[in-house]
Amino acid sequence: MAQNQPSAVDLVTMTEIARRVVERRYAPSMTRQRVAQLAETDPAWPVPMDEWRRIGRYWQIPWDGRLEKYFATRDRASGPKGWQHESWDDPTLPRG
């Protein structure tokens, strides 16, 4: 392949995303259902649906660095994301 040509896009299913997340130790466990839930509900999900491809009954999503960065830096603590509770700033309160 010539140096100036772009590399092929690595399209993966949600099952493969889950497998890679665990393999690369971004999370101790992950399922395709959880990947789908994150894609649907997390505003920080990095790959918009218009970049997904439907092949048969599966969605394929580009694994081009954005997903890897998302899972590597994702806050895995349970609870709402993206907002700060005023009590979290209080140093006198015990931390869980």
PDB file of N, CA and C in Angstrom:
ATOM      1  N   MET A   1       0.852  -1.181   0.000  1.00  0.00           N
ATOM      2  CA  MET A   1       0.000   0.000   0.000  1.00  0.00           C
ATOM      3  C   MET A   1       0.890   1.235   0.000  1.00  0.00           C
ATOM      4  N   ALA A   2       0.507   2.225  -0.771  1.00  0.00           N
ATOM      5  CA  ALA A   2       1.267   3.474  -0.842  1.00  0.00           C
ATOM      6  C   ALA A   2       1.164   4.237   0.465  1.00  0.00           C
ATOM      7  N   GLN A   3       2.193   5.013   0.770  1.00  0.00           N
ATOM      8  CA  GLN A   3       2.216   5.743   2.033  1.00  0.00           C
ATOM      9  C   GLN A   3       1.118   6.788   2.148  1.00  0.00           C
ATOM     10  N   ASN A   4       0.690   7.367   1.066  1.00  0.00           N
ATOM     11  CA  ASN A   4      -0.297   8.447   1.112  1.00  0.00           C
ATOM     12  C   ASN A   4      -1.730   7.951   1.156  1.00  0.00           C
ATOM     13  N   GLN A   5      -1.968   6.658   0.993  1.00  0.00           N
ATOM     14  CA  GLN A   5      -3.323   6.146   1.007  1.00  0.00           C
ATOM     15  C   GLN A   5      -3.763   5.883   2.440  1.00  0.00           C
ATOM     16  N   PRO A   6      -5.020   6.219   2.763  1.00  0.00           N
ATOM     17  CA  PRO A   6      -5.504   5.962   4.125  1.00  0.00           C
ATOM     18  C   PRO A   6      -5.617   4.467   4.388  1.00  0.00           C
ATOM     19  N   SER A   7      -5.451   4.094   5.646  1.00  0.00           N
ATOM     20  CA  SER A   7      -5.602   2.684   6.003  1.00  0.00           C
ATOM     21  C   SER A   7      -7.086   2.329   6.057  1.00  0.00           C
ATOM     22  N   ALA A   8      -7.357   1.061   5.951  1.00  0.00           N
ATOM     23  CA  ALA A   8      -8.741   0.591   6.008  1.00  0.00           C
ATOM     24  C   ALA A   8      -9.315   0.848   7.402  1.00  0.00           C
ATOM     25  N   VAL A   9     -10.586   1.171   7.434  1.00  0.00           N
ATOM     26  CA  VAL A   9     -11.261   1.413   8.700  1.00  0.00           C
ATOM     27  C   VAL A   9     -11.531   0.067   9.365  1.00  0.00           C
ATOM     28  N   ASP A  10     -11.230  -0.022  10.644  1.00  0.00           N
ATOM     29  CA  ASP A  10     -11.468  -1.234  11.429  1.00  0.00           C
ATOM     30  C   ASP A  10     -12.894  -1.154  11.971  1.00  0.00           C
ATOM     31  N   LEU A  11     -13.828  -1.855  11.315  1.00  0.00           N
ATOM     32  CA  LEU A  11     -15.216  -1.870  11.754  1.00  0.00           C
ATOM     33  C   LEU A  11     -15.428  -3.047  12.692  1.00  0.00           C
ATOM     34  N   VAL A  12     -16.034  -2.776  13.834  1.00  0.00           N
ATOM     35  CA  VAL A  12     -16.240  -3.823  14.839  1.00  0.00           C
ATOM     36  C   VAL A  12     -17.689  -3.812  15.322  1.00  0.00           C
ATOM     37  N   THR A  13     -18.134  -4.968  15.764  1.00  0.00           N
ATOM     38  CA  THR A  13     -19.468  -5.088  16.354  1.00  0.00           C
ATOM     39  C   THR A  13     -19.406  -4.677  17.821  1.00  0.00           C
ATOM     40  N   MET A  14     -20.556  -4.535  18.431  1.00  0.00           N
ATOM     41  CA  MET A  14     -20.598  -4.214  19.860  1.00  0.00           C
ATOM     42  C   MET A  14     -19.998  -5.346  20.689  1.00  0.00           C
ATOM     43  N   THR A  15     -20.163  -6.572  20.234  1.00  0.00           N
ATOM     44  CA  THR A  15     -19.543  -7.706  20.924  1.00  0.00           C
ATOM     45  C   THR A  15     -18.031  -7.588  20.887  1.00  0.00           C
ATOM     46  N   GLU A  16     -17.482  -7.204  19.743  1.00  0.00           N
ATOM     47  CA  GLU A  16     -16.028  -7.048  19.621  1.00  0.00           C
ATOM     48  C   GLU A  16     -15.531  -5.860  20.441  1.00  0.00           C
ATOM     49  N   ILE A  17     -16.307  -4.788  20.504  1.00  0.00           N
ATOM     50  CA  ILE A  17     -15.929  -3.657  21.351  1.00  0.00           C
ATOM     51  C   ILE A  17     -15.823  -4.129  22.800  1.00  0.00           C
ATOM     52  N   ALA A  18     -16.821  -4.869  23.268  1.00  0.00           N
ATOM     53  CA  ALA A  18     -16.815  -5.380  24.642  1.00  0.00           C
ATOM     54  C   ALA A  18     -15.589  -6.252  24.879  1.00  0.00           C
ATOM     55  N   ARG A  19     -15.273  -7.120  23.935  1.00  0.00           N
ATOM     56  CA  ARG A  19     -14.107  -8.007  24.072  1.00  0.00           C
ATOM     57  C   ARG A  19     -12.814  -7.189  24.173  1.00  0.00           C
ATOM     58  N   ARG A  20     -12.659  -6.188  23.322  1.00  0.00           N
ATOM     59  CA  ARG A  20     -11.444  -5.369  23.345  1.00  0.00           C
ATOM     60  C   ARG A  20     -11.323  -4.560  24.640  1.00  0.00           C
ATOM     61  N   VAL A  21     -12.435  -4.067  25.120  1.00  0.00           N
ATOM     62  CA  VAL A  21     -12.413  -3.283  26.365  1.00  0.00           C
ATOM     63  C   VAL A  21     -11.877  -4.131  27.517  1.00  0.00           C
ATOM     64  N   VAL A  22     -12.314  -5.373  27.595  1.00  0.00           N
ATOM     65  CA  VAL A  22     -11.839  -6.262  28.657  1.00  0.00           C
ATOM     66  C   VAL A  22     -10.393  -6.686  28.388  1.00  0.00           C
ATOM     67  N   GLU A  23     -10.096  -7.043  27.150  1.00  0.00           N
ATOM     68  CA  GLU A  23      -8.742  -7.482  26.787  1.00  0.00           C
ATOM     69  C   GLU A  23      -7.706  -6.408  27.108  1.00  0.00           C
ATOM     70  N   ARG A  24      -8.053  -5.162  26.865  1.00  0.00           N
ATOM     71  CA  ARG A  24      -7.111  -4.052  27.098  1.00  0.00           C
ATOM     72  C   ARG A  24      -7.217  -3.481  28.511  1.00  0.00           C
ATOM     73  N   ARG A  25      -8.043  -4.127  29.315  1.00  0.00           N
ATOM     74  CA  ARG A  25      -8.197  -3.813  30.743  1.00  0.00           C
ATOM     75  C   ARG A  25      -8.727  -2.402  31.014  1.00  0.00           C
ATOM     76  N   TYR A  26      -9.608  -1.946  30.141  1.00  0.00           N
ATOM     77  CA  TYR A  26     -10.292  -0.674  30.392  1.00  0.00           C
ATOM     78  C   TYR A  26     -11.443  -0.879  31.354  1.00  0.00           C
ATOM     79  N   ALA A  27     -11.890  -2.124  31.480  1.00  0.00           N
ATOM     80  CA  ALA A  27     -12.946  -2.486  32.427  1.00  0.00           C
ATOM     81  C   ALA A  27     -12.782  -3.963  32.759  1.00  0.00           C
ATOM     82  N   PRO A  28     -13.155  -4.368  33.975  1.00  0.00           N
ATOM     83  CA  PRO A  28     -13.008  -5.777  34.328  1.00  0.00           C
ATOM     84  C   PRO A  28     -13.984  -6.682  33.588  1.00  0.00           C
ATOM     85  N   SER A  29     -15.106  -6.122  33.174  1.00  0.00           N
ATOM     86  CA  SER A  29     -16.077  -6.883  32.387  1.00  0.00           C
ATOM     87  C   SER A  29     -16.851  -5.904  31.505  1.00  0.00           C
ATOM     88  N   MET A  30     -17.408  -6.434  30.423  1.00  0.00           N
ATOM     89  CA  MET A  30     -18.189  -5.611  29.503  1.00  0.00           C
ATOM     90  C   MET A  30     -19.002  -6.560  28.648  1.00  0.00           C
ATOM     91  N   THR A  31     -20.235  -6.171  28.345  1.00  0.00           N
ATOM     92  CA  THR A  31     -21.095  -6.954  27.468  1.00  0.00           C
ATOM     93  C   THR A  31     -21.507  -6.099  26.276  1.00  0.00           C
ATOM     94  N   ARG A  32     -21.983  -6.765  25.249  1.00  0.00           N
ATOM     95  CA  ARG A  32     -22.464  -6.000  24.090  1.00  0.00           C
ATOM     96  C   ARG A  32     -23.671  -5.161  24.477  1.00  0.00           C
ATOM     97  N   GLN A  33     -24.464  -5.658  25.431  1.00  0.00           N
ATOM     98  CA  GLN A  33     -25.623  -4.896  25.885  1.00  0.00           C
ATOM     99  C   GLN A  33     -25.184  -3.603  26.573  1.00  0.00           C
ATOM    100  N   ARG A  34     -24.108  -3.672  27.359  1.00  0.00           N
ATOM    101  CA  ARG A  34     -23.603  -2.476  28.033  1.00  0.00           C
ATOM    102  C   ARG A  34     -23.016  -1.492  27.021  1.00  0.00           C
ATOM    103  N   VAL A  35     -22.339  -2.005  26.012  1.00  0.00           N
ATOM    104  CA  VAL A  35     -21.816  -1.129  24.953  1.00  0.00           C
ATOM    105  C   VAL A  35     -22.974  -0.407  24.275  1.00  0.00           C
ATOM    106  N   ALA A  36     -24.043  -1.150  23.955  1.00  0.00           N
ATOM    107  CA  ALA A  36     -25.213  -0.547  23.315  1.00  0.00           C
ATOM    108  C   ALA A  36     -25.842   0.506  24.218  1.00  0.00           C
ATOM    109  N   GLN A  37     -25.917   0.210  25.513  1.00  0.00           N
ATOM    110  CA  GLN A  37     -26.482   1.173  26.459  1.00  0.00           C
ATOM    111  C   GLN A  37     -25.637   2.450  26.514  1.00  0.00           C
ATOM    112  N   LEU A  38     -24.331   2.305  26.560  1.00  0.00           N
ATOM    113  CA  LEU A  38     -23.448   3.482  26.581  1.00  0.00           C
ATOM    114  C   LEU A  38     -23.603   4.285  25.295  1.00  0.00           C
ATOM    115  N   ALA A  39     -23.656   3.596  24.168  1.00  0.00           N
ATOM    116  CA  ALA A  39     -23.794   4.281  22.884  1.00  0.00           C
ATOM    117  C   ALA A  39     -25.104   5.061  22.813  1.00  0.00           C
ATOM    118  N   GLU A  40     -26.132   4.522  23.431  1.00  0.00           N
ATOM    119  CA  GLU A  40     -27.450   5.155  23.378  1.00  0.00           C
ATOM    120  C   GLU A  40     -27.610   6.282  24.389  1.00  0.00           C
ATOM    121  N   THR A  41     -26.988   6.155  25.564  1.00  0.00           N
ATOM    122  CA  THR A  41     -27.302   7.092  26.643  1.00  0.00           C
ATOM    123  C   THR A  41     -26.184   8.032  27.062  1.00  0.00           C
ATOM    124  N   ASP A  42     -24.936   7.707  26.755  1.00  0.00           N
ATOM    125  CA  ASP A  42     -23.830   8.548  27.216  1.00  0.00           C
ATOM    126  C   ASP A  42     -23.562   9.664  26.213  1.00  0.00           C
ATOM    127  N   PRO A  43     -23.745  10.932  26.630  1.00  0.00           N
ATOM    128  CA  PRO A  43     -23.486  12.033  25.703  1.00  0.00           C
ATOM    129  C   PRO A  43     -22.024  12.110  25.267  1.00  0.00           C
ATOM    130  N   ALA A  44     -21.132  11.473  26.000  1.00  0.00           N
ATOM    131  CA  ALA A  44     -19.713  11.493  25.635  1.00  0.00           C
ATOM    132  C   ALA A  44     -19.347  10.390  24.637  1.00  0.00           C
ATOM    133  N   TRP A  45     -20.317   9.542  24.241  1.00  0.00           N
ATOM    134  CA  TRP A  45     -20.022   8.477  23.268  1.00  0.00           C
ATOM    135  C   TRP A  45     -19.426   9.115  22.021  1.00  0.00           C
ATOM    136  N   PRO A  46     -18.256   8.674  21.580  1.00  0.00           N
ATOM    137  CA  PRO A  46     -17.507   9.430  20.574  1.00  0.00           C
ATOM    138  C   PRO A  46     -17.841   9.175  19.107  1.00  0.00           C
ATOM    139  N   VAL A  47     -18.591   8.139  18.798  1.00  0.00           N
ATOM    140  CA  VAL A  47     -18.849   7.822  17.385  1.00  0.00           C
ATOM    141  C   VAL A  47     -20.327   8.008  17.091  1.00  0.00           C
ATOM    142  N   PRO A  48     -20.686   9.062  16.351  1.00  0.00           N
ATOM    143  CA  PRO A  48     -22.103   9.287  16.042  1.00  0.00           C
ATOM    144  C   PRO A  48     -22.673   8.156  15.184  1.00  0.00           C
ATOM    145  N   MET A  49     -23.951   7.919  15.361  1.00  0.00           N
ATOM    146  CA  MET A  49     -24.601   6.795  14.699  1.00  0.00           C
ATOM    147  C   MET A  49     -24.534   6.892  13.171  1.00  0.00           C
ATOM    148  N   ASP A  50     -24.417   8.088  12.626  1.00  0.00           N
ATOM    149  CA  ASP A  50     -24.334   8.188  11.172  1.00  0.00           C
ATOM    150  C   ASP A  50     -23.021   7.616  10.621  1.00  0.00           C
ATOM    151  N   GLU A  51     -22.076   7.287  11.497  1.00  0.00           N
ATOM    152  CA  GLU A  51     -20.833   6.638  11.073  1.00  0.00           C
ATOM    153  C   GLU A  51     -20.902   5.116  11.226  1.00  0.00           C
ATOM    154  N   TRP A  52     -21.980   4.608  11.815  1.00  0.00           N
ATOM    155  CA  TRP A  52     -22.145   3.167  11.978  1.00  0.00           C
ATOM    156  C   TRP A  52     -22.633   2.572  10.659  1.00  0.00           C
ATOM    157  N   ARG A  53     -22.397   1.275  10.478  1.00  0.00           N
ATOM    158  CA  ARG A  53     -22.900   0.566   9.300  1.00  0.00           C
ATOM    159  C   ARG A  53     -23.730  -0.621   9.760  1.00  0.00           C
ATOM    160  N   ARG A  54     -24.857  -0.786   9.119  1.00  0.00           N
ATOM    161  CA  ARG A  54     -25.725  -1.928   9.417  1.00  0.00           C
ATOM    162  C   ARG A  54     -25.378  -3.029   8.424  1.00  0.00           C
ATOM    163  N   ILE A  55     -24.951  -4.166   8.932  1.00  0.00           N
ATOM    164  CA  ILE A  55     -24.644  -5.315   8.086  1.00  0.00           C
ATOM    165  C   ILE A  55     -25.443  -6.486   8.637  1.00  0.00           C
ATOM    166  N   GLY A  56     -26.449  -6.899   7.892  1.00  0.00           N
ATOM    167  CA  GLY A  56     -27.360  -7.929   8.386  1.00  0.00           C
ATOM    168  C   GLY A  56     -28.093  -7.404   9.602  1.00  0.00           C
ATOM    169  N   ARG A  57     -28.008  -8.127  10.693  1.00  0.00           N
ATOM    170  CA  ARG A  57     -28.677  -7.671  11.911  1.00  0.00           C
ATOM    171  C   ARG A  57     -27.710  -7.042  12.915  1.00  0.00           C
ATOM    172  N   TYR A  58     -26.485  -6.778  12.469  1.00  0.00           N
ATOM    173  CA  TYR A  58     -25.470  -6.218  13.356  1.00  0.00           C
ATOM    174  C   TYR A  58     -25.083  -4.805  12.946  1.00  0.00           C
ATOM    175  N   TRP A  59     -24.740  -4.018  13.935  1.00  0.00           N
ATOM    176  CA  TRP A  59     -24.149  -2.710  13.688  1.00  0.00           C
ATOM    177  C   TRP A  59     -22.639  -2.870  13.736  1.00  0.00           C
ATOM    178  N   GLN A  60     -21.960  -2.195  12.836  1.00  0.00           N
ATOM    179  CA  GLN A  60     -20.508  -2.155  12.874  1.00  0.00           C
ATOM    180  C   GLN A  60     -20.093  -0.702  13.047  1.00  0.00           C
ATOM    181  N   ILE A  61     -19.166  -0.510  13.968  1.00  0.00           N
ATOM    182  CA  ILE A  61     -18.755   0.823  14.397  1.00  0.00           C
ATOM    183  C   ILE A  61     -17.258   0.953  14.162  1.00  0.00           C
ATOM    184  N   PRO A  62     -16.796   2.100  13.650  1.00  0.00           N
ATOM    185  CA  PRO A  62     -15.358   2.253  13.436  1.00  0.00           C
ATOM    186  C   PRO A  62     -14.578   2.275  14.755  1.00  0.00           C
ATOM    187  N   TRP A  63     -13.570   1.433  14.838  1.00  0.00           N
ATOM    188  CA  TRP A  63     -12.639   1.437  15.970  1.00  0.00           C
ATOM    189  C   TRP A  63     -11.405   2.172  15.453  1.00  0.00           C
ATOM    190  N   ASP A  64     -11.406   3.479  15.625  1.00  0.00           N
ATOM    191  CA  ASP A  64     -10.353   4.298  15.025  1.00  0.00           C
ATOM    192  C   ASP A  64      -9.609   5.153  16.040  1.00  0.00           C
ATOM    193  N   GLY A  65      -9.623   4.784  17.265  1.00  0.00           N
ATOM    194  CA  GLY A  65      -8.934   5.555  18.295  1.00  0.00           C
ATOM    195  C   GLY A  65      -9.895   6.284  19.214  1.00  0.00           C
ATOM    196  N   ARG A  66     -11.004   6.738  18.682  1.00  0.00           N
ATOM    197  CA  ARG A  66     -11.970   7.461  19.519  1.00  0.00           C
ATOM    198  C   ARG A  66     -12.572   6.550  20.573  1.00  0.00           C
ATOM    199  N   LEU A  67     -12.953   5.336  20.189  1.00  0.00           N
ATOM    200  CA  LEU A  67     -13.545   4.412  21.164  1.00  0.00           C
ATOM    201  C   LEU A  67     -12.513   3.967  22.186  1.00  0.00           C
ATOM    202  N   GLU A  68     -11.312   3.713  21.740  1.00  0.00           N
ATOM    203  CA  GLU A  68     -10.269   3.292  22.678  1.00  0.00           C
ATOM    204  C   GLU A  68     -10.007   4.394  23.701  1.00  0.00           C
ATOM    205  N   LYS A  69      -9.918   5.624  23.243  1.00  0.00           N
ATOM    206  CA  LYS A  69      -9.708   6.748  24.167  1.00  0.00           C
ATOM    207  C   LYS A  69     -10.898   6.890  25.112  1.00  0.00           C
ATOM    208  N   TYR A  70     -12.111   6.739  24.583  1.00  0.00           N
ATOM    209  CA  TYR A  70     -13.326   6.837  25.396  1.00  0.00           C
ATOM    210  C   TYR A  70     -13.290   5.836  26.548  1.00  0.00           C
ATOM    211  N   PHE A  71     -13.010   4.568  26.227  1.00  0.00           N
ATOM    212  CA  PHE A  71     -13.009   3.547  27.278  1.00  0.00           C
ATOM    213  C   PHE A  71     -11.804   3.670  28.201  1.00  0.00           C
ATOM    214  N   ALA A  72     -10.676   4.116  27.686  1.00  0.00           N
ATOM    215  CA  ALA A  72      -9.476   4.254  28.519  1.00  0.00           C
ATOM    216  C   ALA A  72      -9.639   5.353  29.560  1.00  0.00           C
ATOM    217  N   THR A  73     -10.397   6.381  29.244  1.00  0.00           N
ATOM    218  CA  THR A  73     -10.522   7.530  30.139  1.00  0.00           C
ATOM    219  C   THR A  73     -11.888   7.622  30.815  1.00  0.00           C
ATOM    220  N   ARG A  74     -12.778   6.685  30.521  1.00  0.00           N
ATOM    221  CA  ARG A  74     -14.144   6.740  31.030  1.00  0.00           C
ATOM    222  C   ARG A  74     -14.200   6.553  32.542  1.00  0.00           C
ATOM    223  N   ASP A  75     -15.014   7.357  33.196  1.00  0.00           N
ATOM    224  CA  ASP A  75     -15.261   7.222  34.633  1.00  0.00           C
ATOM    225  C   ASP A  75     -16.166   6.014  34.837  1.00  0.00           C
ATOM    226  N   ARG A  76     -15.645   4.958  35.471  1.00  0.00           N
ATOM    227  CA  ARG A  76     -16.420   3.727  35.644  1.00  0.00           C
ATOM    228  C   ARG A  76     -17.253   3.728  36.911  1.00  0.00           C
ATOM    229  N   ALA A  77     -17.172   4.773  37.728  1.00  0.00           N
ATOM    230  CA  ALA A  77     -17.984   4.823  38.945  1.00  0.00           C
ATOM    231  C   ALA A  77     -19.457   4.900  38.569  1.00  0.00           C
ATOM    232  N   SER A  78     -20.294   4.241  39.360  1.00  0.00           N
ATOM    233  CA  SER A  78     -21.720   4.275  39.058  1.00  0.00           C
ATOM    234  C   SER A  78     -22.289   5.642  39.405  1.00  0.00           C
ATOM    235  N   GLY A  79     -23.434   5.933  38.849  1.00  0.00           N
ATOM    236  CA  GLY A  79     -24.111   7.195  39.129  1.00  0.00           C
ATOM    237  C   GLY A  79     -24.062   8.134  37.945  1.00  0.00           C
ATOM    238  N   PRO A  80     -24.789   9.229  38.046  1.00  0.00           N
ATOM    239  CA  PRO A  80     -24.852  10.195  36.955  1.00  0.00           C
ATOM    240  C   PRO A  80     -23.478  10.798  36.657  1.00  0.00           C
ATOM    241  N   LYS A  81     -23.262  11.092  35.393  1.00  0.00           N
ATOM    242  CA  LYS A  81     -22.008  11.698  34.956  1.00  0.00           C
ATOM    243  C   LYS A  81     -22.283  13.118  34.461  1.00  0.00           C
ATOM    244  N   GLY A  82     -21.267  13.912  34.475  1.00  0.00           N
ATOM    245  CA  GLY A  82     -21.363  15.210  33.835  1.00  0.00           C
ATOM    246  C   GLY A  82     -21.875  16.336  34.702  1.00  0.00           C
ATOM    247  N   TRP A  83     -22.098  16.109  35.975  1.00  0.00           N
ATOM    248  CA  TRP A  83     -22.505  17.197  36.849  1.00  0.00           C
ATOM    249  C   TRP A  83     -21.869  16.988  38.202  1.00  0.00           C
ATOM    250  N   GLN A  84     -21.695  18.046  38.908  1.00  0.00           N
ATOM    251  CA  GLN A  84     -21.040  18.029  40.215  1.00  0.00           C
ATOM    252  C   GLN A  84     -22.076  18.302  41.297  1.00  0.00           C
ATOM    253  N   HIS A  85     -22.079  17.512  42.317  1.00  0.00           N
ATOM    254  CA  HIS A  85     -22.975  17.718  43.449  1.00  0.00           C
ATOM    255  C   HIS A  85     -22.264  18.608  44.453  1.00  0.00           C
ATOM    256  N   GLU A  86     -22.973  19.579  45.011  1.00  0.00           N
ATOM    257  CA  GLU A  86     -22.327  20.541  45.921  1.00  0.00           C
ATOM    258  C   GLU A  86     -21.659  19.865  47.119  1.00  0.00           C
ATOM    259  N   SER A  87     -22.193  18.746  47.603  1.00  0.00           N
ATOM    260  CA  SER A  87     -21.589  18.091  48.763  1.00  0.00           C
ATOM    261  C   SER A  87     -20.241  17.457  48.418  1.00  0.00           C
ATOM    262  N   TRP A  88     -19.962  17.213  47.127  1.00  0.00           N
ATOM    263  CA  TRP A  88     -18.694  16.618  46.743  1.00  0.00           C
ATOM    264  C   TRP A  88     -17.528  17.571  46.985  1.00  0.00           C
ATOM    265  N   ASP A  89     -17.833  18.851  47.051  1.00  0.00           N
ATOM    266  CA  ASP A  89     -16.791  19.851  47.289  1.00  0.00           C
ATOM    267  C   ASP A  89     -16.525  20.078  48.768  1.00  0.00           C
ATOM    268  N   ASP A  90     -17.290  19.454  49.638  1.00  0.00           N
ATOM    269  CA  ASP A  90     -17.160  19.647  51.082  1.00  0.00           C
ATOM    270  C   ASP A  90     -16.115  18.681  51.636  1.00  0.00           C
ATOM    271  N   PRO A  91     -14.932  19.181  52.021  1.00  0.00           N
ATOM    272  CA  PRO A  91     -13.861  18.289  52.506  1.00  0.00           C
ATOM    273  C   PRO A  91     -14.169  17.639  53.854  1.00  0.00           C
ATOM    274  N   THR A  92     -15.198  18.114  54.571  1.00  0.00           N
ATOM    275  CA  THR A  92     -15.517  17.526  55.877  1.00  0.00           C
ATOM    276  C   THR A  92     -16.355  16.263  55.748  1.00  0.00           C
ATOM    277  N   LEU A  93     -16.933  16.023  54.574  1.00  0.00           N
ATOM    278  CA  LEU A  93     -17.743  14.829  54.379  1.00  0.00           C
ATOM    279  C   LEU A  93     -16.859  13.634  54.057  1.00  0.00           C
ATOM    280  N   PRO A  94     -17.213  12.459  54.574  1.00  0.00           N
ATOM    281  CA  PRO A  94     -16.409  11.259  54.294  1.00  0.00           C
ATOM    282  C   PRO A  94     -16.527  10.863  52.830  1.00  0.00           C
ATOM    283  N   ARG A  95     -15.473  10.312  52.313  1.00  0.00           N
ATOM    284  CA  ARG A  95     -15.453   9.816  50.925  1.00  0.00           C
ATOM    285  C   ARG A  95     -15.667   8.319  50.950  1.00  0.00           C
ATOM    286  N   GLY A  96     -16.517   7.822  50.027  1.00  0.00           N
ATOM    287  CA  GLY A  96     -16.855   6.408  49.954  1.00  0.00           C
ATOM    288  C   GLY A  96     -15.717   5.587  49.612  1.00  0.00           C
TER     289      GLY A  96
END
